[in-house]
C-alpha atoms as a PDB file:
ATOM      1  CA  MET A   1       2.452  14.437 -24.225  1.00  0.00           C
ATOM      2  CA  ARG A   2       5.022  14.226 -21.042  1.00  0.00           C
ATOM      3  CA  ASP A   3       5.065  17.850 -20.405  1.00  0.00           C
ATOM      4  CA  GLU A   4       1.108  17.902 -20.700  1.00  0.00           C
ATOM      5  CA  VAL A   5       0.381  15.275 -18.368  1.00  0.00           C
ATOM      6  CA  ARG A   6       3.242  16.297 -16.317  1.00  0.00           C
ATOM      7  CA  GLY A   7       1.597  20.266 -16.018  1.00  0.00           C
ATOM      8  CA  ARG A   8      -1.806  19.065 -15.290  1.00  0.00           C
ATOM      9  CA  TYR A   9      -0.803  16.550 -12.419  1.00  0.00           C
ATOM     10  CA  GLU A  10       1.292  18.933 -10.877  1.00  0.00           C
ATOM     11  CA  GLN A  11      -1.964  21.603 -10.905  1.00  0.00           C
ATOM     12  CA  ARG A  12      -3.932  19.289  -8.828  1.00  0.00           C
ATOM     13  CA  LEU A  13      -1.170  17.826  -6.503  1.00  0.00           C
ATOM     14  CA  PRO A  14      -2.000  20.091  -3.751  1.00  0.00           C
ATOM     15  CA  LEU A  15      -5.151  18.720  -3.499  1.00  0.00           C
ATOM     16  CA  LEU A  16      -3.701  15.104  -3.579  1.00  0.00           C
ATOM     17  CA  LYS A  17      -1.833  16.121  -0.766  1.00  0.00           C
ATOM     18  CA  ALA A  18      -4.173  17.671   1.431  1.00  0.00           C
ATOM     19  CA  LEU A  19      -6.457  14.587   1.003  1.00  0.00           C
ATOM     20  CA  ALA A  20      -3.519  12.445   1.730  1.00  0.00           C
ATOM     21  CA  ALA A  21      -3.443  14.247   4.834  1.00  0.00           C
ATOM     22  CA  ASN A  22      -7.250  13.962   5.618  1.00  0.00           C
ATOM     23  CA  LEU A  23      -6.771  10.642   5.244  1.00  0.00           C
ATOM     24  CA  GLU A  24      -4.191  10.000   7.520  1.00  0.00           C
ATOM     25  CA  ARG A  25      -5.712  11.912  10.589  1.00  0.00           C
ATOM     26  CA  GLU A  26      -8.690  10.497   9.944  1.00  0.00           C
ATOM     27  CA  THR A  27      -6.877   6.717   9.821  1.00  0.00           C
ATOM     28  CA  ARG A  28      -4.997   7.704  12.809  1.00  0.00           C
ATOM     29  CA  ARG A  29      -8.322   8.486  14.776  1.00  0.00           C
ATOM     30  CA  GLN A  30      -9.742   5.332  14.139  1.00  0.00           C
ATOM     31  CA  PHE A  31      -7.105   2.965  15.106  1.00  0.00           C
ATOM     32  CA  ALA A  32      -6.250   5.004  18.175  1.00  0.00           C
ATOM     33  CA  ASP A  33      -7.500   2.443  20.256  1.00  0.00           C
ATOM     34  CA  ILE A  34      -6.072  -0.461  18.268  1.00  0.00           C
ATOM     35  CA  ALA A  35      -2.767  -2.664  19.891  1.00  0.00           C
ATOM     36  CA  HIS A  36      -0.027  -4.009  17.475  1.00  0.00           C
ATOM     37  CA  ILE A  37       0.097  -0.864  15.205  1.00  0.00           C
ATOM     38  CA  ASP A  38       3.772   0.485  14.439  1.00  0.00           C
ATOM     39  CA  ARG A  39       2.735   3.331  12.125  1.00  0.00           C
ATOM     40  CA  ILE A  40      -0.212   4.634   9.826  1.00  0.00           C
ATOM     41  CA  SER A  41       1.280   7.109   6.722  1.00  0.00           C
ATOM     42  CA  PHE A  42      -0.621   8.440   3.739  1.00  0.00           C
ATOM     43  CA  ARG A  43       1.019  10.554   0.753  1.00  0.00           C
ATOM     44  CA  ALA A  44       0.234  11.701  -2.791  1.00  0.00           C
ATOM     45  CA  LYS A  45       2.199  10.157  -5.671  1.00  0.00           C
ATOM     46  CA  GLU A  46       4.924  11.674  -6.546  1.00  0.00           C
ATOM     47  CA  THR A  47       4.678  13.689 -10.151  1.00  0.00           C
ATOM     48  CA  ASP A  48       7.471  11.466 -12.077  1.00  0.00           C
ATOM     49  CA  SER A  49       6.119   7.836 -10.637  1.00  0.00           C
ATOM     50  CA  PHE A  50       2.705   8.953 -12.060  1.00  0.00           C
ATOM     51  CA  LEU A  51       4.034   9.860 -15.318  1.00  0.00           C
ATOM     52  CA  ASP A  52       6.038   6.591 -15.251  1.00  0.00           C
ATOM     53  CA  LYS A  53       3.197   4.226 -14.492  1.00  0.00           C
ATOM     54  CA  VAL A  54       0.849   5.973 -17.291  1.00  0.00           C
ATOM     55  CA  LEU A  55       3.516   6.342 -19.839  1.00  0.00           C
ATOM     56  CA  GLU A  56       6.504   4.303 -19.656  1.00  0.00           C
ATOM     57  CA  ARG A  57       4.669   1.009 -17.967  1.00  0.00           C
ATOM     58  CA  ARG A  58       2.537  -1.188 -20.431  1.00  0.00           C
ATOM     59  CA  VAL A  59      -1.053  -1.176 -19.019  1.00  0.00           C
ATOM     60  CA  GLU A  60      -3.674  -3.356 -20.466  1.00  0.00           C
ATOM     61  CA  PRO A  61      -5.968  -2.053 -21.500  1.00  0.00           C
ATOM     62  CA  PRO A  62      -4.221   1.501 -21.172  1.00  0.00           C
ATOM     63  CA  TYR A  63      -5.858   4.681 -19.478  1.00  0.00           C
ATOM     64  CA  GLU A  64      -8.126   6.326 -21.264  1.00  0.00           C
ATOM     65  CA  GLU A  65      -8.432   8.934 -18.312  1.00  0.00           C
ATOM     66  CA  PRO A  66      -5.255   8.670 -16.157  1.00  0.00           C
ATOM     67  CA  LEU A  67      -6.001  11.733 -14.161  1.00  0.00           C
ATOM     68  CA  ILE A  68      -8.924  10.064 -13.270  1.00  0.00           C
ATOM     69  CA  GLU A  69      -8.484   6.033 -13.243  1.00  0.00           C
ATOM     70  CA  VAL A  70      -4.639   5.372 -11.694  1.00  0.00           C
ATOM     71  CA  GLU A  71      -6.294   4.423  -8.164  1.00  0.00           C
ATOM     72  CA  ASP A  72      -3.060   4.983  -6.170  1.00  0.00           C
ATOM     73  CA  GLN A  73      -2.543   8.715  -7.021  1.00  0.00           C
ATOM     74  CA  VAL A  74      -3.086   8.838  -3.012  1.00  0.00           C
ATOM     75  CA  GLY A  75      -1.858   5.508  -0.836  1.00  0.00           C
ATOM     76  CA  GLY A  76      -1.913   4.888   2.490  1.00  0.00           C
ATOM     77  CA  ARG A  77       0.090   2.588   4.865  1.00  0.00           C
ATOM     78  CA  ILE A  78      -1.054   0.431   7.666  1.00  0.00           C
ATOM     79  CA  LEU A  79       2.287  -1.425   9.304  1.00  0.00           C
ATOM     80  CA  VAL A  80       1.351  -3.947  12.049  1.00  0.00           C
ATOM     81  CA  PHE A  81       3.635  -6.062  14.485  1.00  0.00           C
ATOM     82  CA  PHE A  82       2.090  -9.746  13.744  1.00  0.00           C
ATOM     83  CA  ILE A  83       0.598 -11.678  10.825  1.00  0.00           C
ATOM     84  CA  SER A  84      -2.366 -11.907  12.551  1.00  0.00           C
ATOM     85  CA  ASP A  85      -3.072  -8.292  12.872  1.00  0.00           C
ATOM     86  CA  VAL A  86      -3.667  -8.038   9.263  1.00  0.00           C
ATOM     87  CA  GLU A  87      -7.180  -8.980   9.077  1.00  0.00           C
ATOM     88  CA  PRO A  88      -7.998  -6.965  12.120  1.00  0.00           C
ATOM     89  CA  ALA A  89      -6.459  -3.750  10.631  1.00  0.00           C
ATOM     90  CA  ARG A  90      -8.195  -4.748   7.464  1.00  0.00           C
ATOM     91  CA  ALA A  91     -11.936  -5.041   9.231  1.00  0.00           C
ATOM     92  CA  GLU A  92     -11.265  -1.758  10.865  1.00  0.00           C
ATOM     93  CA  ALA A  93     -10.384   0.028   8.086  1.00  0.00           C
ATOM     94  CA  GLU A  94     -13.313  -1.193   6.336  1.00  0.00           C
ATOM     95  CA  ARG A  95     -15.596   0.295   9.324  1.00  0.00           C
ATOM     96  CA  LEU A  96     -13.704   4.028   7.731  1.00  0.00           C
ATOM     97  CA  PHE A  97     -13.796   3.339   4.297  1.00  0.00           C
ATOM     98  CA  THR A  98     -16.262   1.912   1.425  1.00  0.00           C
ATOM     99  CA  PRO A  99     -13.898  -0.784  -0.442  1.00  0.00           C
ATOM    100  CA  VAL A 100     -13.637  -1.105  -3.776  1.00  0.00           C
ATOM    101  CA  GLU A 101     -11.506  -4.131  -4.768  1.00  0.00           C
ATOM    102  CA  ALA A 102      -9.618  -5.589  -2.023  1.00  0.00           C
ATOM    103  CA  VAL A 103      -6.408  -8.428  -2.932  1.00  0.00           C
ATOM    104  CA  LEU A 104      -4.055 -10.541  -0.392  1.00  0.00           C
ATOM    105  CA  ARG A 105      -0.698 -10.257  -2.805  1.00  0.00           C
ATOM    106  CA  ARG A 106       1.553 -13.491  -1.866  1.00  0.00           C
ATOM    107  CA  PRO A 107       3.352 -15.973  -4.251  1.00  0.00           C
ATOM    108  CA  GLU A 108       1.155 -18.240  -6.121  1.00  0.00           C
ATOM    109  CA  THR A 109       2.934 -21.616  -4.889  1.00  0.00           C
ATOM    110  CA  TYR A 110       4.316 -22.719  -1.590  1.00  0.00           C
ATOM    111  CA  ASN A 111       7.829 -23.242  -2.397  1.00  0.00           C
ATOM    112  CA  VAL A 112       8.014 -19.384  -4.060  1.00  0.00           C
ATOM    113  CA  PHE A 113       8.854 -16.715  -1.746  1.00  0.00           C
ATOM    114  CA  ASP A 114       8.159 -13.146  -2.772  1.00  0.00           C
ATOM    115  CA  TYR A 115       6.389  -9.903  -2.001  1.00  0.00           C
ATOM    116  CA  GLU A 116       3.027 -10.519   0.358  1.00  0.00           C
ATOM    117  CA  SER A 117       0.922  -7.441   1.494  1.00  0.00           C
ATOM    118  CA  PHE A 118      -2.412  -6.847   1.621  1.00  0.00           C
ATOM    119  CA  HIS A 119      -3.826  -4.356  -1.041  1.00  0.00           C
ATOM    120  CA  ALA A 120      -7.268  -2.596  -0.856  1.00  0.00           C
ATOM    121  CA  ILE A 121      -9.133   0.402  -2.711  1.00  0.00           C
ATOM    122  CA  TYR A 122     -11.580   2.243  -1.511  1.00  0.00           C
ATOM    123  CA  GLY A 123     -13.816   5.277  -2.594  1.00  0.00           C
ATOM    124  CA  VAL A 124     -12.809   8.807  -1.496  1.00  0.00           C
ATOM    125  CA  PRO A 125     -15.096   9.353   1.662  1.00  0.00           C
ATOM    126  CA  PRO A 126     -16.739  13.212   0.577  1.00  0.00           C
ATOM    127  CA  PRO A 127     -16.280  14.443   4.139  1.00  0.00           C
ATOM    128  CA  MET A 128     -12.310  14.069   3.983  1.00  0.00           C
ATOM    129  CA  LYS A 129     -12.142  15.660   0.189  1.00  0.00           C
ATOM    130  CA  PRO A 130     -10.493  19.057   0.716  1.00  0.00           C
ATOM    131  CA  ASP A 131     -11.791  22.243  -0.363  1.00  0.00           C
ATOM    132  CA  GLY A 132     -11.854  22.417  -3.843  1.00  0.00           C
ATOM    133  CA  TRP A 133     -12.053  18.791  -4.826  1.00  0.00           C
ATOM    134  CA  ASP A 134     -15.414  19.001  -5.853  1.00  0.00           C
ATOM    135  CA  GLU A 135     -14.525  22.237  -8.204  1.00  0.00           C
ATOM    136  CA  ARG A 136     -12.436  19.936 -10.557  1.00  0.00           C
ATOM    137  CA  ASP A 137     -13.461  17.073 -12.927  1.00  0.00           C
ATOM    138  CA  ASP A 138     -10.200  15.386 -13.176  1.00  0.00           C
ATOM    139  CA  LEU A 139      -9.452  13.672  -9.738  1.00  0.00           C
ATOM    140  CA  PRO A 140      -9.547   9.966  -8.746  1.00  0.00           C
ATOM    141  CA  ARG A 141     -12.709   8.506  -7.006  1.00  0.00           C
ATOM    142  CA  THR A 142     -10.303   6.118  -5.142  1.00  0.00           C
ATOM    143  CA  PHE A 143      -7.275   6.059  -3.090  1.00  0.00           C
ATOM    144  CA  GLU A 144      -4.949   2.428  -2.429  1.00  0.00           C
ATOM    145  CA  LEU A 145      -4.125   1.255   1.229  1.00  0.00           C
ATOM    146  CA  GLN A 146      -1.835  -1.170   1.825  1.00  0.00           C
ATOM    147  CA  ILE A 147      -1.830  -3.482   5.424  1.00  0.00           C
ATOM    148  CA  ARG A 148       1.390  -5.261   6.194  1.00  0.00           C
ATOM    149  CA  THR A 149       3.925  -6.620   8.774  1.00  0.00           C
ATOM    150  CA  LEU A 150       7.035  -4.940   9.760  1.00  0.00           C
ATOM    151  CA  PHE A 151       8.707  -7.939   8.421  1.00  0.00           C
ATOM    152  CA  GLN A 152       6.987  -7.893   5.105  1.00  0.00           C
ATOM    153  CA  HIS A 153       7.667  -4.173   4.837  1.00  0.00           C
ATOM    154  CA  ALA A 154      11.268  -4.865   5.504  1.00  0.00           C
ATOM    155  CA  TYR A 155      11.422  -6.917   2.430  1.00  0.00           C
ATOM    156  CA  ALA A 156       9.248  -4.773   0.113  1.00  0.00           C
ATOM    157  CA  GLU A 157      10.846  -1.329   0.709  1.00  0.00           C
ATOM    158  CA  PRO A 158      14.405  -2.080  -0.623  1.00  0.00           C
ATOM    159  CA  GLN A 159      12.774  -4.978  -3.311  1.00  0.00           C
ATOM    160  CA  HIS A 160      10.769  -2.197  -5.007  1.00  0.00           C
ATOM    161  CA  ASP A 161      14.097  -0.041  -5.074  1.00  0.00           C
ATOM    162  CA  LEU A 162      16.572  -2.209  -5.792  1.00  0.00           C
ATOM    163  CA  ALA A 163      14.499  -4.769  -8.308  1.00  0.00           C
ATOM    164  CA  TYR A 164      11.642  -2.899  -9.749  1.00  0.00           C
ATOM    165  CA  LYS A 165      13.101  -1.761 -13.137  1.00  0.00           C
ATOM    166  CA  PRO A 166      10.748  -3.031 -15.767  1.00  0.00           C
ATOM    167  CA  GLU A 167      13.709  -2.014 -18.868  1.00  0.00           C
ATOM    168  CA  THR A 168      16.230  -3.916 -17.236  1.00  0.00           C
ATOM    169  CA  PRO A 169      15.007  -7.086 -15.507  1.00  0.00           C
ATOM    170  CA  PRO A 170      17.252  -8.615 -12.847  1.00  0.00           C
ATOM    171  CA  SER A 171      19.518 -11.191 -12.876  1.00  0.00           C
ATOM    172  CA  ASP A 172      18.768 -15.213 -12.138  1.00  0.00           C
ATOM    173  CA  GLU A 173      21.361 -14.510  -9.434  1.00  0.00           C
ATOM    174  CA  ILE A 174      19.746 -11.494  -8.038  1.00  0.00           C
ATOM    175  CA  ARG A 175      16.375 -12.860  -7.889  1.00  0.00           C
ATOM    176  CA  ARG A 176      17.951 -15.684  -6.001  1.00  0.00           C
ATOM    177  CA  GLU A 177      19.381 -13.243  -3.448  1.00  0.00           C
ATOM    178  CA  LEU A 178      15.643 -11.420  -3.265  1.00  0.00           C
ATOM    179  CA  ALA A 179      14.181 -14.695  -2.727  1.00  0.00           C
ATOM    180  CA  TRP A 180      16.147 -15.589   0.160  1.00  0.00           C
ATOM    181  CA  VAL A 181      15.484 -12.806   1.824  1.00  0.00           C
ATOM    182  CA  ALA A 182      11.850 -12.880   1.045  1.00  0.00           C
ATOM    183  CA  ALA A 183      11.911 -16.016   2.808  1.00  0.00           C
ATOM    184  CA  SER A 184      13.986 -14.659   5.564  1.00  0.00           C
ATOM    185  CA  SER A 185      11.200 -12.320   5.976  1.00  0.00           C
ATOM    186  CA  TRP A 186       8.492 -14.663   6.229  1.00  0.00           C
ATOM    187  CA  GLY A 187      10.288 -16.917   8.681  1.00  0.00           C
ATOM    188  CA  SER A 188      10.636 -14.193  10.564  1.00  0.00           C
ATOM    189  CA  ASP A 189       6.914 -13.196  10.724  1.00  0.00           C
ATOM    190  CA  GLN A 190       6.050 -17.021  11.608  1.00  0.00           C
ATOM    191  CA  ALA A 191       8.425 -17.152  14.141  1.00  0.00           C
ATOM    192  CA  LEU A 192       7.251 -14.155  15.827  1.00  0.00           C
ATOM    193  CA  GLU A 193       3.533 -15.675  15.520  1.00  0.00           C
ATOM    194  CA  ARG A 194       4.730 -18.753  17.281  1.00  0.00           C
ATOM    195  CA  VAL A 195       6.275 -16.887  20.451  1.00  0.00           C
ATOM    196  CA  ARG A 196       2.894 -14.420  20.510  1.00  0.00           C
ATOM    197  CA  MET A 197       0.648 -17.412  20.315  1.00  0.00           C
ATOM    198  CA  LYS A 198       3.502 -19.740  23.684  1.00  0.00           C
ATOM    199  CA  LEU A 199       3.206 -16.609  25.599  1.00  0.00           C
ATOM    200  CA  ALA A 200      -0.378 -16.018  25.479  1.00  0.00           C
ATOM    201  CA  GLU A 201      -0.844 -20.011  26.267  1.00  0.00           C
ATOM    202  CA  GLU A 202       1.770 -19.422  29.200  1.00  0.00           C
ATOM    203  CA  THR A 203      -0.137 -16.276  30.482  1.00  0.00           C
ATOM    204  CA  LYS A 204      -3.316 -18.391  30.518  1.00  0.00           C
ATOM    205  CA  ALA A 205      -1.627 -21.296  32.292  1.00  0.00           C
ATOM    206  CA  ASP A 206      -0.228 -19.334  34.640  1.00  0.00           C
END
């Protein structure tokens, strides 16, 4: 099973990578005049990551056609300087792409610190499909885009690498350490936003 899915996925991978390049180029063009953008990047999901998602993680209901249904086979990320830049970036993205679903991922209660990021699923725009895309019937209809601040990203990437291993959940001590890092990242974002607002007020007063 795994070898069969691997072979089918890798056969399509050049098209996924070509789509990622097209999406990145057009997103960079769309955001060329938008302030406070640190970076824009897109990538196709690596084969092992795809296989882990569809074969080793429990998804309810399970995928019937994972080569079509997995929404983040191509994913993009926009990093912004400040919390207040996330919403303008989201609005700008929706001038370019048609949203399928969107969610702001954050802890459910006020006294919990953890992963935060804006996630959206967009339909693949026909003009950005690479040559050969429409000749196959096993390609995704969507891609994922994340928008987050630099501090949210600074927490999310190491946290994912260190702790995202479903077969061996982290200990309570590790969870506390990660929560402390998340709280520090959240506090840094808040402090930067306050500094930004105060500087704007002082400039206006002058």
